[in-house]
Protein backbone atom coordinates (compact mmCIF):
# COMPACT_ATOMS: atom_id res chain seq x y z
CA MET A 1 0.00 0.00 0.00
CA SER A 2 1.30 3.43 -0.83
CA THR A 3 1.91 6.02 1.83
CA ASP A 4 -0.81 8.27 0.34
CA SER A 5 -3.41 5.67 1.40
CA ARG A 6 -2.52 6.18 5.04
CA SER A 7 -5.16 7.62 7.32
CA GLN A 8 -2.66 8.38 10.13
CA ASN A 9 1.10 8.86 10.21
CA TYR A 10 1.92 6.61 13.13
CA ASP A 11 5.64 6.06 13.54
CA ALA A 12 5.90 3.30 16.21
CA LEU A 13 4.07 0.53 18.05
CA LEU A 14 4.13 0.55 21.86
CA ILE A 15 3.37 -2.70 23.72
CA VAL A 16 1.93 -1.85 27.14
CA SER A 17 1.78 -4.64 29.72
CA PHE A 18 1.54 -5.26 33.43
CA GLY A 19 5.12 -6.27 34.16
CA GLY A 20 6.51 -8.84 36.55
CA PRO A 21 9.59 -9.70 38.61
CA GLU A 22 12.56 -11.18 36.79
CA LYS A 23 14.42 -12.58 39.83
CA PRO A 24 13.73 -13.33 43.52
CA GLU A 25 14.95 -9.97 44.80
CA ASP A 26 12.47 -8.22 42.48
CA VAL A 27 9.40 -9.90 43.97
CA MET A 28 8.67 -7.70 46.99
CA PRO A 29 9.43 -4.37 45.24
CA PHE A 30 7.17 -5.48 42.40
CA LEU A 31 4.32 -6.38 44.76
CA GLU A 32 4.76 -3.06 46.56
CA ASN A 33 4.37 -1.29 43.21
CA VAL A 34 1.24 -3.29 42.38
CA THR A 35 -0.43 -2.64 45.73
CA ARG A 36 0.71 0.93 46.43
CA GLY A 37 -2.13 2.83 48.13
CA ARG A 38 -4.24 -0.27 48.80
CA ASN A 39 -3.24 -0.85 52.45
CA ILE A 40 -2.42 -4.53 51.93
CA PRO A 41 -0.80 -5.98 55.11
CA ARG A 42 2.86 -6.85 54.64
CA GLU A 43 2.26 -10.40 55.83
CA ARG A 44 -0.18 -10.83 52.95
CA LEU A 45 2.44 -9.55 50.49
CA LEU A 46 4.91 -12.07 51.87
CA GLU A 47 2.32 -14.81 51.43
CA VAL A 48 1.69 -13.84 47.80
CA ALA A 49 5.45 -13.52 47.22
CA GLU A 50 5.63 -17.26 47.81
CA HIS A 51 3.53 -17.76 44.67
CA TYR A 52 6.38 -16.19 42.69
CA HIS A 53 9.12 -17.94 44.64
CA HIS A 54 7.34 -21.22 43.88
CA PHE A 55 8.41 -20.53 40.27
CA GLY A 56 11.93 -19.33 41.06
CA GLY A 57 11.00 -15.72 41.89
CA LYS A 58 10.31 -14.90 38.25
CA SER A 59 7.09 -14.20 36.40
CA PRO A 60 7.10 -15.42 32.81
CA ILE A 61 5.13 -12.37 31.64
CA ASN A 62 8.17 -10.32 30.59
CA ASP A 63 9.66 -13.16 28.55
CA GLN A 64 6.29 -13.60 26.90
CA CYS A 65 6.21 -9.91 26.00
CA ARG A 66 9.67 -10.31 24.47
CA ALA A 67 8.44 -13.29 22.44
CA LEU A 68 5.40 -11.30 21.29
CA ILE A 69 7.60 -8.38 20.23
CA GLY A 70 9.95 -10.72 18.37
CA ALA A 71 7.05 -12.28 16.48
CA LEU A 72 5.59 -8.88 15.57
CA ARG A 73 8.93 -7.55 14.37
CA ALA A 74 9.46 -10.63 12.22
CA THR A 75 5.97 -10.33 10.73
CA MET A 76 6.30 -6.63 9.92
CA ALA A 77 9.90 -6.86 8.69
CA GLY A 78 10.36 -5.66 5.13
CA THR A 79 6.88 -4.21 4.73
CA GLU A 80 6.60 -0.60 3.58
CA TRP A 81 4.61 0.18 6.74
CA GLU A 82 6.98 -1.56 9.20
CA LEU A 83 6.94 0.15 12.61
CA PRO A 84 9.61 0.06 15.32
CA VAL A 85 8.29 -1.76 18.39
CA TYR A 86 8.75 -0.45 21.94
CA TRP A 87 7.64 -1.95 25.26
CA GLY A 88 6.66 -0.38 28.57
CA ASN A 89 5.12 -1.85 31.73
CA ARG A 90 2.72 -0.65 34.37
CA ASN A 91 4.48 -2.13 37.40
CA TRP A 92 8.02 -3.25 36.55
CA HIS A 93 10.95 -2.67 34.22
CA PRO A 94 10.85 -1.47 31.54
CA PHE A 95 8.56 1.16 33.04
CA LEU A 96 6.32 3.13 30.71
CA ALA A 97 7.90 6.51 31.50
CA ASP A 98 11.39 5.17 30.74
CA THR A 99 10.18 3.75 27.45
CA LEU A 100 8.49 7.02 26.45
CA ARG A 101 11.73 8.88 27.20
CA GLN A 102 13.59 6.52 24.87
CA MET A 103 10.91 6.97 22.21
CA ARG A 104 11.23 10.76 22.50
CA ALA A 105 15.02 10.48 22.17
CA ASP A 106 14.48 8.35 19.05
CA GLY A 107 12.26 11.00 17.51
CA ILE A 108 8.96 9.13 17.87
CA LYS A 109 5.99 11.50 17.74
CA HIS A 110 2.81 9.43 17.43
CA ALA A 111 2.59 5.74 18.36
CA LEU A 112 -0.06 3.06 18.32
CA GLY A 113 -0.48 1.29 21.64
CA PHE A 114 -1.28 -2.41 22.09
CA THR A 115 -2.26 -3.37 25.64
CA THR A 116 -2.17 -6.99 26.75
CA SER A 117 -5.90 -7.20 27.45
CA ALA A 118 -8.62 -8.25 25.01
CA TYR A 119 -11.60 -6.89 26.92
CA SER A 120 -13.17 -3.63 28.08
CA SER A 121 -13.05 -2.82 31.79
CA TYR A 122 -11.48 -0.17 33.96
CA SER A 123 -8.44 -2.26 34.84
CA GLY A 124 -8.11 -3.83 31.39
CA CYS A 125 -8.50 -0.66 29.34
CA ARG A 126 -9.03 2.77 30.91
CA GLN A 127 -6.40 2.23 33.61
CA TYR A 128 -3.83 1.58 30.89
CA LEU A 129 -4.82 4.88 29.27
CA GLU A 130 -4.32 6.55 32.65
CA ASN A 131 -0.93 4.86 32.99
CA ILE A 132 0.11 6.18 29.57
CA ALA A 133 -1.09 9.69 30.45
CA ALA A 134 0.79 9.61 33.77
CA ALA A 135 3.97 8.47 31.99
CA GLN A 136 3.59 11.23 29.40
CA SER A 137 3.22 13.78 32.21
CA ASP A 138 6.35 12.38 33.86
CA VAL A 139 8.32 12.64 30.62
CA GLY A 140 7.08 16.16 29.93
CA ALA A 141 7.47 18.17 26.74
CA GLY A 142 7.92 16.07 23.62
CA ALA A 143 6.46 12.88 25.06
CA PRO A 144 5.02 10.84 22.19
CA ARG A 145 1.29 10.74 21.66
CA VAL A 146 -0.10 7.18 22.01
CA ASP A 147 -3.40 5.97 20.54
CA LYS A 148 -4.55 2.60 21.88
CA LEU A 149 -5.65 -0.15 19.49
CA ARG A 150 -9.22 -1.33 19.98
CA ALA A 151 -10.45 -4.22 22.12
CA PHE A 152 -10.34 -7.43 20.09
CA TYR A 153 -12.39 -10.01 22.00
CA ASN A 154 -14.46 -10.78 18.87
CA HIS A 155 -11.74 -10.50 16.24
CA PRO A 156 -11.64 -13.66 14.08
CA GLY A 157 -7.89 -14.02 14.61
CA PHE A 158 -8.29 -14.05 18.39
CA ILE A 159 -11.14 -16.56 18.18
CA GLN A 160 -9.16 -18.82 15.83
CA ALA A 161 -6.08 -18.77 18.06
CA SER A 162 -8.15 -19.42 21.20
CA ALA A 163 -10.06 -22.24 19.52
CA ASP A 164 -6.83 -23.89 18.36
CA ARG A 165 -5.52 -23.88 21.93
CA VAL A 166 -8.74 -25.49 23.17
CA ARG A 167 -8.70 -28.02 20.33
CA GLU A 168 -5.20 -29.12 21.30
CA ALA A 169 -6.27 -29.50 24.93
CA LEU A 170 -9.32 -31.54 23.94
CA SER A 171 -7.09 -33.83 21.90
CA ARG A 172 -5.39 -34.86 25.13
CA LEU A 173 -8.76 -36.20 26.28
CA ARG A 174 -9.61 -37.90 22.99
CA ASN A 175 -10.00 -41.31 24.66
CA GLU A 176 -12.56 -39.93 27.13
CA PRO A 177 -16.30 -39.83 26.35
CA GLU A 178 -17.36 -36.36 25.22
CA THR A 179 -20.50 -36.57 27.34
CA ASP A 180 -18.30 -36.76 30.43
CA THR A 181 -16.14 -33.74 29.54
CA GLN A 182 -16.89 -30.13 30.47
CA LEU A 183 -15.26 -27.10 28.84
CA ILE A 184 -14.64 -24.26 31.29
CA PHE A 185 -13.58 -20.79 30.19
CA THR A 186 -11.86 -18.68 32.85
CA ALA A 187 -11.07 -15.00 33.22
CA HIS A 188 -9.80 -12.68 35.92
CA SER A 189 -12.59 -11.76 38.31
CA ILE A 190 -13.27 -8.07 38.88
CA PRO A 191 -15.45 -6.23 41.40
CA CYS A 192 -19.14 -6.33 40.48
CA SER A 193 -19.17 -2.53 40.68
CA MET A 194 -16.55 -2.47 37.89
CA ALA A 195 -18.39 -5.08 35.84
CA GLU A 196 -21.62 -3.08 36.06
CA THR A 197 -20.03 -0.08 34.30
CA SER A 198 -18.27 -1.98 31.48
CA ALA A 199 -18.92 -4.63 28.86
CA TYR A 200 -16.33 -6.99 30.40
CA GLU A 201 -18.62 -9.90 31.25
CA ALA A 202 -20.68 -9.63 28.06
CA GLN A 203 -17.53 -9.60 25.94
CA LEU A 204 -16.11 -12.62 27.77
CA ARG A 205 -19.34 -14.55 27.21
CA GLU A 206 -19.23 -13.64 23.53
CA THR A 207 -15.62 -14.84 23.18
CA SER A 208 -16.49 -18.08 24.99
CA ARG A 209 -19.55 -18.65 22.81
CA LEU A 210 -17.63 -17.98 19.60
CA VAL A 211 -14.79 -20.32 20.58
CA ALA A 212 -17.19 -23.09 21.64
CA GLU A 213 -19.26 -22.72 18.46
CA SER A 214 -16.17 -22.85 16.26
CA LEU A 215 -15.37 -26.19 17.91
CA ARG A 216 -19.02 -27.34 17.70
CA LEU A 217 -19.21 -27.73 21.45
CA GLY A 218 -22.50 -27.07 23.19
CA ARG A 219 -21.42 -27.62 26.80
CA TRP A 220 -19.36 -24.84 28.29
CA ASP A 221 -19.22 -22.55 31.33
CA LEU A 222 -17.64 -19.18 32.05
CA VAL A 223 -16.11 -18.86 35.51
CA PHE A 224 -13.65 -16.54 37.20
CA GLN A 225 -10.35 -16.75 39.02
CA SER A 226 -7.72 -14.71 40.86
CA ARG A 227 -10.07 -12.42 42.76
CA SER A 228 -8.50 -10.05 45.29
CA GLY A 229 -9.66 -7.50 47.80
CA PRO A 230 -11.75 -7.84 50.96
CA PRO A 231 -14.25 -10.73 51.09
CA THR A 232 -17.05 -8.26 51.86
CA GLN A 233 -16.74 -6.76 48.36
CA PRO A 234 -18.75 -8.69 45.74
CA TRP A 235 -16.78 -9.90 42.72
CA LEU A 236 -17.79 -11.78 39.61
CA GLU A 237 -18.52 -15.45 40.28
CA PRO A 238 -18.49 -18.43 40.22
CA ASP A 239 -14.90 -19.01 41.27
CA ILE A 240 -13.07 -21.76 39.40
CA LEU A 241 -12.44 -23.82 42.54
CA ASP A 242 -16.07 -23.64 43.66
CA HIS A 243 -17.16 -24.58 40.15
CA LEU A 244 -14.92 -27.64 40.06
CA ARG A 245 -16.50 -28.83 43.30
CA HIS A 246 -19.97 -28.27 41.83
CA LEU A 247 -19.14 -30.19 38.64
CA SER A 248 -17.65 -33.03 40.66
CA SER A 249 -20.83 -33.32 42.70
CA ASP A 250 -22.76 -33.55 39.41
CA GLY A 251 -20.60 -36.46 38.29
CA VAL A 252 -18.36 -34.67 35.77
CA ARG A 253 -15.05 -36.49 35.60
CA ASN A 254 -13.13 -34.62 32.89
CA VAL A 255 -12.62 -30.87 32.46
CA VAL A 256 -10.77 -28.70 29.97
CA ILE A 257 -9.98 -25.25 31.35
CA ALA A 258 -9.43 -22.50 28.78
CA PRO A 259 -8.18 -19.19 30.25
CA VAL A 260 -9.54 -16.96 27.47
CA GLY A 261 -9.39 -13.93 29.75
CA PHE A 262 -5.59 -13.99 29.54
CA LEU A 263 -3.20 -13.63 26.61
CA SER A 264 -0.18 -15.43 28.05
CA ASP A 265 0.70 -18.11 30.60
CA HIS A 266 1.87 -16.02 33.54
CA VAL A 267 1.82 -16.53 37.32
CA GLU A 268 -1.95 -16.36 37.70
CA ILE A 269 -2.23 -19.20 35.21
CA LEU A 270 0.64 -21.20 36.65
CA PHE A 271 -0.45 -20.86 40.27
CA ASP A 272 -4.24 -20.43 40.23
CA LEU A 273 -4.89 -23.00 37.51
CA ASP A 274 -1.87 -25.26 37.07
CA THR A 275 -1.31 -25.53 40.82
CA GLU A 276 -4.46 -24.78 42.86
CA ALA A 277 -7.11 -25.92 40.37
CA ALA A 278 -5.05 -28.93 39.27
CA ASP A 279 -4.52 -30.01 42.89
CA LEU A 280 -8.24 -29.70 43.62
CA ALA A 281 -9.18 -31.62 40.48
CA LYS A 282 -6.87 -34.43 41.51
CA GLU A 283 -8.36 -34.45 44.99
CA LEU A 284 -11.84 -34.68 43.48
CA GLY A 285 -10.82 -37.52 41.18
CA MET A 286 -11.22 -35.40 38.05
CA THR A 287 -8.99 -35.37 34.98
CA MET A 288 -8.11 -31.74 34.21
CA VAL A 289 -6.40 -30.43 31.09
CA ARG A 290 -5.54 -26.76 30.80
CA ALA A 291 -5.58 -25.14 27.36
CA GLY A 292 -2.79 -22.76 26.45
CA THR A 293 -3.31 -19.04 26.04
CA VAL A 294 -2.97 -17.43 22.62
CA GLY A 295 0.63 -16.32 23.28
CA THR A 296 2.39 -16.04 19.92
CA HIS A 297 -0.07 -18.16 17.94
CA PRO A 298 0.31 -17.09 14.27
CA ALA A 299 -3.37 -16.12 13.98
CA PHE A 300 -3.03 -13.88 17.04
CA ILE A 301 0.09 -12.19 15.67
CA GLN A 302 -1.67 -11.65 12.35
CA MET A 303 -4.61 -10.18 14.28
CA ILE A 304 -2.36 -7.56 15.90
CA VAL A 305 -0.89 -6.73 12.50
CA GLN A 306 -4.39 -6.34 11.09
CA LEU A 307 -5.36 -4.04 13.99
CA ILE A 308 -2.33 -1.91 13.15
CA LYS A 309 -3.15 -1.80 9.44
CA GLU A 310 -6.79 -0.84 10.02
CA ARG A 311 -5.53 2.26 11.82
CA LEU A 312 -2.82 2.99 9.27
CA PHE A 313 -4.80 2.64 6.06
CA ARG A 314 -8.16 4.08 5.04
CA ASN A 315 -9.43 1.04 3.16
CA GLU A 316 -8.39 -1.69 5.62
CA PRO A 317 -11.51 -3.53 6.90
CA LYS A 318 -12.30 -3.69 10.63
CA LEU A 319 -12.86 -7.36 11.34
CA ALA A 320 -15.24 -8.77 13.94
CA ILE A 321 -17.53 -11.81 14.15
CA GLY A 322 -20.52 -12.75 16.25
CA SER A 323 -23.20 -10.57 17.78
CA PHE A 324 -21.23 -7.37 18.28
CA SER A 325 -19.63 -4.84 15.95
CA PRO A 326 -15.92 -3.99 16.07
CA ASN A 327 -15.09 -2.09 19.23
CA HIS A 328 -14.51 1.66 19.08
CA ASP A 329 -11.02 3.01 18.36
CA PHE A 330 -11.19 5.85 20.87
CA CYS A 331 -12.83 5.38 24.26
CA PRO A 332 -15.70 7.78 25.08
CA ALA A 333 -15.22 9.91 28.17
CA ALA A 334 -17.64 7.82 30.24
CA CYS A 335 -16.32 4.44 29.05
CA CYS A 336 -15.20 1.92 31.72
CA PRO A 337 -15.05 4.34 34.68
CA PRO A 338 -13.28 3.29 37.88
CA PRO A 339 -15.58 1.63 40.41
CA PRO A 340 -16.39 3.31 43.74
CA GLN A 341 -13.38 3.33 46.03
CA ARG A 342 -14.13 0.62 48.55
CA GLY A 343 -11.16 -0.97 50.25
CA GLY A 344 -8.51 0.54 48.00
CA ARG A 345 -7.86 0.87 44.30
CA PRO A 346 -9.26 -1.68 41.87
CA PRO A 347 -6.89 -4.44 40.80
CA ALA A 348 -5.19 -4.81 37.47
CA SER A 349 -6.03 -7.75 35.27
CA ALA A 350 -2.79 -8.97 33.75
CA ASP A 351 -0.30 -10.59 36.13
CA GLN A 352 -2.14 -9.37 39.23
CA PRO A 353 -1.33 -11.59 42.24
CA ALA A 354 -4.35 -12.90 44.11
CA LEU A 355 -4.22 -10.57 47.09
CA ARG A 356 -7.18 -11.90 48.98
CA GLN A 357 -7.60 -10.05 52.25
CA PRO A 358 -7.67 -12.37 55.29
């Protein structure tokens, strides 16, 4: 495509993620960053720190961001619209403000932003916009402008990648009767007050429905995991552990868990699903298989590229399937507001540790 077909002169792509510790000595400073202003007792931070130390004191989320960036660079390489790719985190190195300073030094003026969340909610969308704005304020004059790419929960590339991950997981149960197997989609729970002011739950149900339909599966559930905050505050339910107990009591013996609310296999997946849920399933006598997240699936990488191109070029189609239209490019002022402040700030939904208050 020629440059005169461009609708915007974007000159970089910025990957914005949650961040995570890279070594044991990073764990407590990272958790202090995540929970700043939330009055979480230190003993609870130490307890959650053990989740990270269980995996060597390192979250895989940063390595997964590096793999994503590598795949995007390889896919865009040699195209006439190739963009340099930068990366900044909310809670750990490389911090957003540091990345924006480097972008300013490199002469970047106007970047597209890709956040590692597929859905609309305060913590999965608007809070990232606030993080970018705070980093721009910290950098000061000349900080690059950043326009976020749209939510992509119903993009065909995301559905294809998610369905392929579930299909692979189901293949590991191919000798089990289908009537005795339950597909469970999981996502990060959020406060009900946050869910009531966003399309988060509706979008998750649409993704789950589209993935199940593409696999011709009629039996599926959407449940939640990794809730945090005081027990008196209502959050989206049912919880994955409670749901496993319920299914077991109904005689279900085989489950496939598909964490469609997450883009990569980070600590919340490794601990909450691969450890806690897997241990409970074993205790209940259930066979559990966990589907992978989309990660660097080729269809997912191509989806990100298509999201970039639809913003770069006037005639590029905006793809979406199912019951809803493509999400908006620019969030309205009242979109996904923060929930009422009860018991501290709302949590983030990427590699957020499960900081359940005792």
